[in-house]
Protein backbone atom coordinates (compact mmCIF):
# COMPACT_ATOMS: atom_id res chain seq x y z
CA MET A 1 -122.94 10.62 156.41
CA ASN A 2 -122.16 6.90 156.68
CA SER A 3 -124.09 4.13 154.96
CA ASP A 4 -125.63 2.72 158.16
CA LYS A 5 -127.33 6.04 158.93
CA LEU A 6 -128.52 6.38 155.34
CA GLN A 7 -129.98 2.85 155.36
CA ARG A 8 -131.81 3.58 158.63
CA LEU A 9 -133.21 6.79 157.14
CA GLU A 10 -134.42 4.88 154.06
CA LYS A 11 -136.59 2.75 156.37
CA ASN A 12 -137.64 5.58 158.68
CA LYS A 13 -141.35 6.31 158.06
CA LYS A 14 -141.22 9.66 159.88
CA PHE A 15 -138.46 10.80 157.54
CA ARG A 16 -140.42 9.63 154.47
CA LYS A 17 -143.56 11.35 155.72
CA LYS A 18 -141.79 14.66 156.31
CA PHE A 19 -140.01 14.41 152.95
CA TYR A 20 -143.18 13.64 150.96
CA ASN A 21 -145.21 16.20 152.94
CA LYS A 22 -143.65 18.92 150.74
CA GLU A 23 -144.64 17.00 147.61
CA VAL A 24 -148.33 16.57 148.51
CA TRP A 25 -149.33 19.97 147.16
CA LYS A 26 -147.94 19.10 143.71
CA ASN A 27 -150.41 16.22 143.32
CA TYR A 28 -153.49 16.75 141.15
CA ALA A 29 -155.77 15.02 143.68
CA ILE A 30 -155.52 18.12 145.90
CA ILE A 31 -157.11 20.43 143.29
CA PRO A 32 -160.85 19.47 143.58
CA PRO A 33 -161.11 19.82 147.39
CA SER A 34 -159.06 23.04 147.24
CA VAL A 35 -161.45 24.51 144.67
CA ILE A 36 -164.45 23.64 146.86
CA LEU A 37 -162.75 25.22 149.88
CA PHE A 38 -161.99 28.43 148.00
CA ALA A 39 -165.50 28.59 146.55
CA SER A 40 -167.07 28.21 150.00
CA LEU A 41 -164.75 30.84 151.50
CA PHE A 42 -165.54 33.18 148.63
CA GLY A 43 -169.26 32.61 149.28
CA ILE A 44 -168.89 33.39 152.97
CA LEU A 45 -166.89 36.57 152.25
CA TYR A 46 -169.45 37.63 149.64
CA LEU A 47 -172.31 37.17 152.13
CA PHE A 48 -170.32 39.07 154.76
CA ASN A 49 -169.87 41.92 152.30
CA LEU A 50 -173.66 42.00 151.71
CA ASP A 51 -174.34 41.93 155.48
CA ARG A 52 -176.14 38.59 155.10
CA LEU A 53 -173.67 36.46 156.99
CA VAL A 54 -176.30 35.57 159.59
CA SER A 55 -178.90 34.15 157.23
CA LEU A 56 -179.98 30.89 155.62
CA TYR A 57 -177.72 31.63 152.64
CA THR A 58 -174.68 30.81 154.76
CA ILE A 59 -175.70 27.18 155.39
CA PRO A 60 -174.67 25.85 151.91
CA CYS A 61 -171.35 27.69 152.17
CA LEU A 62 -170.66 26.24 155.60
CA ILE A 63 -171.60 22.73 154.44
CA LEU A 64 -169.24 23.09 151.45
CA LEU A 65 -166.52 24.40 153.77
CA VAL A 66 -166.80 21.39 156.08
CA LEU A 67 -167.00 18.88 153.21
CA GLY A 68 -164.06 20.50 151.41
CA THR A 69 -161.94 20.41 154.56
CA ILE A 70 -162.72 16.73 155.19
CA TRP A 71 -162.04 15.85 151.56
CA LEU A 72 -158.74 17.79 151.54
CA LYS A 73 -157.50 16.08 154.70
CA ALA A 74 -158.53 12.65 153.39
CA ALA A 75 -156.83 13.25 150.02
CA ARG A 76 -153.66 14.47 151.75
CA ARG A 77 -153.59 11.45 154.06
CA TYR A 78 -154.17 9.06 151.12
CA ILE A 79 -151.34 10.62 149.09
CA LEU A 80 -148.94 10.42 152.05
CA THR A 81 -149.94 6.81 152.79
CA GLN A 82 -149.28 5.81 149.18
CA SER A 83 -145.94 7.64 149.20
CA ILE A 84 -144.58 6.06 152.37
CA SER A 85 -145.89 2.52 151.82
CA ASP A 86 -143.36 -0.23 152.54
CA ASP A 87 -143.45 -1.82 149.10
CA LYS A 88 -142.45 1.41 147.34
CA THR A 89 -138.79 1.96 146.49
CA PHE A 90 -137.17 4.72 148.55
CA LEU A 91 -133.41 5.05 148.25
CA ILE A 92 -131.11 7.84 149.42
CA CYS A 93 -128.24 8.00 146.95
CA PRO A 94 -125.17 10.24 147.09
CA ILE A 95 -124.66 12.12 143.83
CA ILE A 96 -121.31 12.90 142.26
CA SER A 97 -120.48 15.11 139.30
CA LEU A 98 -119.87 13.22 136.05
CA MET A 99 -119.00 16.03 133.61
CA ASN A 100 -119.74 19.59 132.57
CA LYS A 101 -121.41 20.10 129.22
CA GLU A 102 -122.83 23.35 127.82
CA GLY A 103 -122.88 25.00 131.24
CA LYS A 104 -124.66 22.05 132.88
CA THR A 105 -123.17 19.78 135.49
CA ILE A 106 -124.21 16.26 134.54
CA ARG A 107 -124.34 14.12 137.66
CA MET A 108 -124.61 10.44 138.46
CA PHE A 109 -125.72 8.13 141.24
CA SER A 110 -126.12 4.40 141.80
CA VAL A 111 -129.21 2.52 143.03
CA GLY A 112 -127.41 -0.78 143.68
CA ASN A 113 -126.09 -2.23 146.92
CA ASN A 114 -122.95 -0.07 146.67
CA ARG A 115 -124.90 3.17 146.25
CA HIS A 116 -123.44 4.71 149.45
CA ASN A 117 -119.84 3.86 148.52
CA LYS A 118 -118.09 6.92 147.04
CA ASN A 119 -115.19 4.78 145.75
CA TYR A 120 -117.64 2.65 143.78
CA LEU A 121 -119.19 5.79 142.29
CA GLU A 122 -115.77 7.16 141.32
CA LYS A 123 -114.89 3.82 139.70
CA LYS A 124 -118.14 3.84 137.70
CA LYS A 125 -117.53 7.46 136.71
CA LYS A 126 -114.12 6.54 135.32
CA GLU A 127 -115.62 3.57 133.42
CA ILE A 128 -118.36 5.76 131.89
CA LEU A 129 -115.94 8.51 130.85
CA ASP A 130 -113.55 5.92 129.38
CA SER A 131 -116.38 4.21 127.48
CA ILE A 132 -117.64 7.42 125.83
CA SER A 133 -114.11 8.88 125.39
CA GLY A 134 -115.37 12.34 124.40
CA ASP A 135 -118.25 11.08 122.24
CA PHE A 136 -121.29 12.43 124.11
CA SER A 137 -123.70 11.09 121.49
CA ALA A 138 -123.60 7.74 123.34
CA LEU A 139 -125.41 9.47 126.20
CA ASP A 140 -128.78 11.15 125.70
CA LEU A 141 -127.93 14.54 127.21
CA THR A 142 -131.01 16.46 126.14
CA SER A 143 -131.89 19.94 127.34
CA LYS A 144 -134.74 18.56 129.43
CA ALA A 145 -134.10 17.48 132.99
CA GLY A 146 -134.35 13.79 133.53
CA LEU A 147 -132.88 10.45 134.41
CA GLN A 148 -131.11 8.04 132.15
CA LEU A 149 -130.10 4.54 133.18
CA ILE A 150 -126.72 3.46 131.83
CA PRO A 151 -127.30 0.08 130.14
CA ASN A 152 -126.11 -3.03 132.04
CA THR A 153 -125.40 -1.03 135.23
CA ASP A 154 -127.20 0.30 138.28
CA VAL A 155 -126.04 3.85 137.55
CA TYR A 156 -128.31 6.74 136.57
CA ILE A 157 -127.24 9.97 134.91
CA VAL A 158 -129.07 13.14 135.96
CA THR A 159 -129.44 16.05 133.58
CA PRO A 160 -130.23 19.08 135.79
CA SER A 161 -133.28 21.24 135.29
CA PHE A 162 -133.10 25.02 134.97
CA SER A 163 -134.13 25.50 138.63
CA ASP A 164 -131.42 23.06 139.78
CA ARG A 165 -128.80 25.04 137.87
CA ILE A 166 -129.99 28.33 139.43
CA ALA A 167 -129.95 26.81 142.94
CA ASN A 168 -126.39 25.55 142.53
CA LYS A 169 -124.91 28.50 140.61
CA ASN A 170 -123.50 30.49 143.52
CA ALA A 171 -122.88 27.64 145.94
CA LYS A 172 -119.30 26.64 146.76
CA MET A 173 -120.50 23.09 147.23
CA SER A 174 -123.56 21.75 145.52
CA VAL A 175 -126.66 22.03 147.67
CA ASN A 176 -128.02 18.86 146.10
CA THR A 177 -125.64 16.24 147.43
CA TYR A 178 -128.16 13.40 147.75
CA ALA A 179 -130.94 12.13 145.52
CA ILE A 180 -134.13 10.41 146.63
CA PHE A 181 -134.85 7.65 144.13
CA ASP A 182 -138.37 6.19 144.18
CA ASN A 183 -138.76 4.85 140.62
CA SER A 184 -140.44 8.03 139.40
CA ASP A 185 -139.36 10.01 136.35
CA LYS A 186 -138.25 13.04 138.35
CA ILE A 187 -135.37 13.06 140.79
CA ARG A 188 -135.86 14.68 144.19
CA TYR A 189 -132.97 16.28 146.00
CA ILE A 190 -132.15 16.54 149.68
CA ASN A 191 -129.20 18.25 151.28
CA LEU A 192 -126.95 17.00 154.05
CA ARG A 193 -128.39 19.34 156.67
CA GLU A 194 -131.90 17.95 156.12
CA LEU A 195 -130.59 14.39 156.36
CA GLU A 196 -128.65 15.08 159.57
CA SER A 197 -131.74 16.56 161.21
CA PHE A 198 -133.24 13.04 161.20
CA SER A 199 -130.22 11.03 162.32
């Protein structure tokens, strides 16, 4: 996918909304309204089981159900609005493989102006490998998944998580060919097919 399409997608609010829609359920703000919804549904089912569904006991459960639904929708909308706001960083960055170490494929991507240029990434890869020259202690390649910014560059190194390694184990090509960078601690992946569905 060329850089013009990727830059358009970075500014496309519909794409951001659909991408972050999957992430909404991982936010802690969803838990309280969800608990209220489940409690009200449990109350309604309990009353149904006792054959008291048509009674005054149902009114508090119905009120909680309505309030929980409104709160859940409002929380979801707030989380999505914060995620797709214009001032938040949202970059689509191609990822290339940097090295293999202890069964893990360490990968890299750039967040600079040349982030969509594969030649630039290959050049940076060569510079990084030449600078460490087999001494991996210069890089913090811990067992935890995470991002590490290479000092004095715009290049990040990605140490894959266990689930990333499982997802890519049997693939001929890596399923995670692009990273979504939004200044958070965790990298989010998107594959080419998902990107092309928006272009």
